[in-house]
């Protein structure tokens, strides 16, 4: 017997309103799932599609179309949507279904204002606390990403993987601070960051471009130059914020 919530999520459905964007008019590259933790796997694929920009902010998710593309019943699709709702990526509207969360210019400005404070402190703490071996992890991150392109893998790397690699270097700096309170607060911002990055679909398109955008920041950290490192971090964040604001303006004009 279905609960009222399940009935609202499933059986009481209608066609999308003309002004609503539906994310699944066409297949978007989801992979059929054979067995295992279906809800978690569906959530992982939907998350990747959102981060890659294949499902845009504010778009409605169609249970029927997702189930058809994955070759599943609607049960795992609903489970995945609820998981992503709890993570803050989706919102549910009664009788209309699940939508990817929107982001406003104020939310983006607030997010990047917070990131400037957190990452400045992370840089200062990392330089003061991390030994040379620990800081060398920054160089290893750079080498690993450059090797992806050298090995001919760059063209096949998914957009969501590139987003996670971009986040990884910022998270690593927080880890090098050895400040667990800072790391916990930073982790709290990651959902918002992923949503914001989906606005610009990262824009780098390759591991090498990601490395280039963080190169001077890494060099300054390895040299333990806090002044230059903070300046490079702020320059990098200001550019990302500007790109996202531009994308919001473009979407509003469409």
Protein backbone atom coordinates (compact mmCIF):
# COMPACT_ATOMS: atom_id res chain seq x y z
CA UNK A 1 0.00 0.00 0.00
CA UNK A 2 1.43 3.32 -1.00
CA UNK A 3 1.91 6.13 1.48
CA UNK A 4 0.41 9.55 0.65
CA UNK A 5 3.93 10.79 -0.16
CA UNK A 6 4.49 7.97 -2.62
CA UNK A 7 1.10 8.61 -4.23
CA UNK A 8 2.04 12.25 -4.64
CA UNK A 9 5.41 11.32 -6.10
CA UNK A 10 4.05 8.67 -8.40
CA UNK A 11 0.40 8.28 -9.34
CA UNK A 12 -0.83 11.89 -9.22
CA UNK A 13 1.06 13.04 -12.28
CA UNK A 14 0.18 15.45 -15.05
CA UNK A 15 1.82 16.89 -18.11
CA UNK A 16 4.41 19.62 -17.50
CA UNK A 17 3.10 23.13 -17.79
CA UNK A 18 4.17 24.89 -21.00
CA UNK A 19 6.60 27.11 -19.12
CA UNK A 20 8.25 24.17 -17.31
CA UNK A 21 11.46 22.69 -18.63
CA UNK A 22 11.47 18.89 -18.68
CA UNK A 23 14.95 17.39 -18.48
CA UNK A 24 14.16 14.13 -20.21
CA UNK A 25 12.60 14.77 -23.59
CA UNK A 26 15.62 13.00 -25.11
CA UNK A 27 18.08 10.41 -23.70
CA UNK A 28 20.97 12.02 -21.83
CA UNK A 29 23.47 9.18 -21.66
CA UNK A 30 22.33 7.27 -18.59
CA UNK A 31 23.66 3.70 -18.37
CA UNK A 32 21.24 0.78 -17.83
CA UNK A 33 21.65 -0.71 -14.36
CA UNK A 34 21.69 -4.50 -14.01
CA UNK A 35 21.75 -5.20 -10.28
CA UNK A 36 22.97 -3.98 -6.90
CA UNK A 37 22.05 -0.84 -4.96
CA UNK A 38 19.68 0.56 -7.53
CA UNK A 39 18.64 3.74 -5.73
CA UNK A 40 22.21 4.76 -4.97
CA UNK A 41 23.35 4.00 -8.52
CA UNK A 42 20.49 5.96 -10.08
CA UNK A 43 21.24 8.87 -7.75
CA UNK A 44 24.89 8.76 -8.82
CA UNK A 45 23.97 8.93 -12.50
CA UNK A 46 21.43 11.71 -12.00
CA UNK A 47 23.95 13.66 -9.94
CA UNK A 48 26.50 13.32 -12.76
CA UNK A 49 23.93 14.52 -15.29
CA UNK A 50 23.12 17.58 -13.15
CA UNK A 51 26.77 18.50 -12.56
CA UNK A 52 27.56 18.02 -16.26
CA UNK A 53 24.72 20.37 -17.19
CA UNK A 54 22.76 17.68 -19.04
CA UNK A 55 19.92 18.46 -16.62
CA UNK A 56 19.70 22.19 -16.06
CA UNK A 57 18.88 24.10 -12.91
CA UNK A 58 15.11 24.36 -12.49
CA UNK A 59 14.35 21.46 -14.84
CA UNK A 60 11.77 18.80 -13.95
CA UNK A 61 12.78 15.14 -13.76
CA UNK A 62 10.43 12.70 -15.46
CA UNK A 63 10.21 9.41 -13.57
CA UNK A 64 8.78 7.62 -16.59
CA UNK A 65 11.50 8.78 -18.97
CA UNK A 66 14.32 8.02 -16.51
CA UNK A 67 12.91 4.56 -15.80
CA UNK A 68 12.62 3.87 -19.52
CA UNK A 69 16.18 4.99 -20.25
CA UNK A 70 17.61 2.91 -17.40
CA UNK A 71 15.38 -0.10 -17.94
CA UNK A 72 14.02 0.03 -14.37
CA UNK A 73 10.71 0.33 -12.56
CA UNK A 74 9.86 3.67 -10.97
CA UNK A 75 10.66 2.53 -7.41
CA UNK A 76 14.46 3.00 -7.63
CA UNK A 77 13.93 6.29 -9.48
CA UNK A 78 11.82 7.63 -6.60
CA UNK A 79 14.39 6.42 -4.09
CA UNK A 80 17.17 8.20 -5.98
CA UNK A 81 15.17 11.41 -6.22
CA UNK A 82 14.55 11.38 -2.48
CA UNK A 83 18.27 10.82 -1.85
CA UNK A 84 19.14 13.83 -4.00
CA UNK A 85 16.41 15.86 -2.30
CA UNK A 86 18.00 15.13 1.10
CA UNK A 87 21.37 16.22 -0.30
CA UNK A 88 19.90 19.53 -1.37
CA UNK A 89 20.13 19.01 -5.14
CA UNK A 90 16.42 18.47 -5.86
CA UNK A 91 13.21 20.00 -4.58
CA UNK A 92 9.77 18.37 -4.62
CA UNK A 93 6.57 20.19 -5.55
CA UNK A 94 3.27 18.35 -4.88
CA UNK A 95 1.51 17.18 -8.06
CA UNK A 96 4.42 18.43 -10.17
CA UNK A 97 7.32 16.22 -9.12
CA UNK A 98 11.03 16.73 -8.55
CA UNK A 99 13.01 19.66 -9.93
CA UNK A 100 16.70 20.50 -9.89
CA UNK A 101 17.23 23.34 -7.45
CA UNK A 102 17.63 26.83 -8.82
CA UNK A 103 20.41 29.16 -7.69
CA UNK A 104 20.07 32.92 -7.45
CA UNK A 105 22.74 35.56 -7.88
CA UNK A 106 22.50 36.29 -4.14
CA UNK A 107 23.12 32.63 -3.27
CA UNK A 108 26.16 32.53 -5.56
CA UNK A 109 27.54 35.76 -4.10
CA UNK A 110 27.04 34.42 -0.57
CA UNK A 111 28.66 31.09 -1.44
CA UNK A 112 31.76 32.71 -2.91
CA UNK A 113 31.98 35.20 -0.07
CA UNK A 114 32.07 32.26 2.35
CA UNK A 115 34.60 30.41 0.20
CA UNK A 116 36.96 33.40 0.24
CA UNK A 117 36.93 33.42 4.05
CA UNK A 118 37.32 29.64 4.41
CA UNK A 119 39.99 29.19 1.75
CA UNK A 120 42.05 32.15 2.89
CA UNK A 121 42.17 30.64 6.36
CA UNK A 122 42.90 27.19 4.90
CA UNK A 123 45.87 28.56 2.97
CA UNK A 124 47.29 30.31 6.03
CA UNK A 125 46.86 27.21 8.17
CA UNK A 126 48.25 24.84 5.53
CA UNK A 127 51.41 26.91 5.11
CA UNK A 128 51.88 27.12 8.87
CA UNK A 129 51.10 23.49 9.71
CA UNK A 130 51.83 21.22 6.75
CA UNK A 131 55.33 19.82 6.29
CA UNK A 132 56.98 19.67 2.86
CA UNK A 133 55.89 16.08 2.27
CA UNK A 134 52.26 16.99 2.90
CA UNK A 135 52.44 20.04 0.63
CA UNK A 136 53.90 17.80 -2.08
CA UNK A 137 50.43 16.29 -2.43
CA UNK A 138 49.53 19.45 -4.35
CA UNK A 139 52.25 18.69 -6.90
CA UNK A 140 51.06 15.09 -7.13
CA UNK A 141 47.52 16.28 -7.91
CA UNK A 142 48.90 18.43 -10.72
CA UNK A 143 51.01 15.60 -12.13
CA UNK A 144 48.10 13.18 -12.05
CA UNK A 145 45.80 15.50 -13.97
CA UNK A 146 48.43 16.38 -16.56
CA UNK A 147 49.04 12.65 -17.09
CA UNK A 148 45.36 12.21 -17.99
CA UNK A 149 45.81 14.38 -21.07
CA UNK A 150 49.27 12.98 -21.86
CA UNK A 151 47.77 9.49 -21.93
CA UNK A 152 45.04 10.59 -24.30
CA UNK A 153 42.34 10.29 -21.65
CA UNK A 154 41.39 13.95 -21.52
CA UNK A 155 38.81 13.81 -24.30
CA UNK A 156 36.96 10.93 -22.64
CA UNK A 157 36.73 12.38 -19.12
CA UNK A 158 33.17 13.24 -18.11
CA UNK A 159 32.18 16.72 -17.03
CA UNK A 160 31.20 15.53 -13.54
CA UNK A 161 34.67 13.99 -13.12
CA UNK A 162 36.25 17.31 -14.07
CA UNK A 163 34.03 19.08 -11.54
CA UNK A 164 35.16 16.67 -8.82
CA UNK A 165 38.83 17.20 -9.76
CA UNK A 166 38.35 20.96 -9.55
CA UNK A 167 36.79 20.57 -6.11
CA UNK A 168 39.51 18.10 -5.07
CA UNK A 169 42.34 20.64 -5.09
CA UNK A 170 40.38 23.08 -2.92
CA UNK A 171 39.40 20.28 -0.56
CA UNK A 172 43.05 19.17 -0.39
CA UNK A 173 44.13 22.65 0.71
CA UNK A 174 41.55 22.46 3.51
CA UNK A 175 42.86 19.01 4.46
CA UNK A 176 46.42 20.33 4.60
CA UNK A 177 45.28 22.92 7.13
CA UNK A 178 44.88 20.05 9.64
CA UNK A 179 41.91 21.94 11.02
CA UNK A 180 39.00 19.52 11.39
CA UNK A 181 36.48 22.26 12.16
CA UNK A 182 37.41 24.08 8.97
CA UNK A 183 37.18 20.87 6.96
CA UNK A 184 33.69 20.15 8.33
CA UNK A 185 32.40 23.60 7.41
CA UNK A 186 33.97 23.35 3.95
CA UNK A 187 32.34 19.97 3.32
CA UNK A 188 29.00 21.60 4.09
CA UNK A 189 29.46 23.95 1.11
CA UNK A 190 30.15 21.23 -1.46
CA UNK A 191 26.55 20.65 -2.57
CA UNK A 192 26.18 24.36 -3.28
CA UNK A 193 29.52 24.38 -5.10
CA UNK A 194 28.57 21.47 -7.34
CA UNK A 195 25.27 23.12 -8.24
CA UNK A 196 27.04 26.40 -8.99
CA UNK A 197 29.69 24.68 -11.12
CA UNK A 198 26.94 22.99 -13.14
CA UNK A 199 25.90 26.48 -14.26
CA UNK A 200 29.08 26.91 -16.26
CA UNK A 201 29.65 23.19 -16.91
CA UNK A 202 33.09 23.95 -15.49
CA UNK A 203 34.24 25.44 -18.80
CA UNK A 204 37.76 24.00 -18.63
CA UNK A 205 36.94 20.93 -20.76
CA UNK A 206 40.22 19.20 -19.96
CA UNK A 207 42.44 18.27 -17.01
CA UNK A 208 45.21 20.51 -18.38
CA UNK A 209 42.93 23.56 -18.31
CA UNK A 210 42.03 22.80 -14.68
CA UNK A 211 45.71 22.58 -13.78
CA UNK A 212 46.46 25.84 -15.59
CA UNK A 213 43.71 27.66 -13.68
CA UNK A 214 45.24 26.56 -10.35
CA UNK A 215 48.92 26.58 -11.33
CA UNK A 216 50.04 29.82 -9.69
CA UNK A 217 48.07 29.01 -6.55
CA UNK A 218 49.85 25.65 -6.23
CA UNK A 219 53.26 27.20 -6.92
CA UNK A 220 52.71 29.80 -4.19
CA UNK A 221 51.65 27.16 -1.69
CA UNK A 222 54.69 25.01 -2.46
CA UNK A 223 56.85 28.11 -1.95
CA UNK A 224 54.98 28.85 1.31
CA UNK A 225 54.14 32.33 0.04
CA UNK A 226 50.84 33.03 1.80
CA UNK A 227 50.39 36.52 0.32
CA UNK A 228 50.63 35.32 -3.28
CA UNK A 229 48.63 32.15 -2.58
CA UNK A 230 45.73 34.11 -1.08
CA UNK A 231 45.79 36.59 -3.97
CA UNK A 232 45.73 33.76 -6.53
CA UNK A 233 42.90 32.01 -4.69
CA UNK A 234 40.83 35.20 -4.64
CA UNK A 235 41.53 35.84 -8.33
CA UNK A 236 40.44 32.28 -9.18
CA UNK A 237 37.25 32.50 -7.11
CA UNK A 238 36.36 35.95 -8.47
CA UNK A 239 36.66 34.67 -12.05
CA UNK A 240 34.46 31.62 -11.31
CA UNK A 241 31.85 33.80 -9.61
CA UNK A 242 31.82 36.19 -12.58
CA UNK A 243 31.29 33.31 -15.03
CA UNK A 244 28.40 31.97 -12.99
CA UNK A 245 26.74 35.36 -12.75
CA UNK A 246 27.04 35.70 -16.53
CA UNK A 247 25.41 32.31 -17.04
CA UNK A 248 22.55 33.24 -14.70
CA UNK A 249 21.99 36.42 -16.72
CA UNK A 250 22.00 34.46 -19.97
CA UNK A 251 19.46 31.97 -18.61
CA UNK A 252 17.22 34.78 -17.43
CA UNK A 253 17.32 36.32 -20.92
CA UNK A 254 16.39 33.07 -22.69
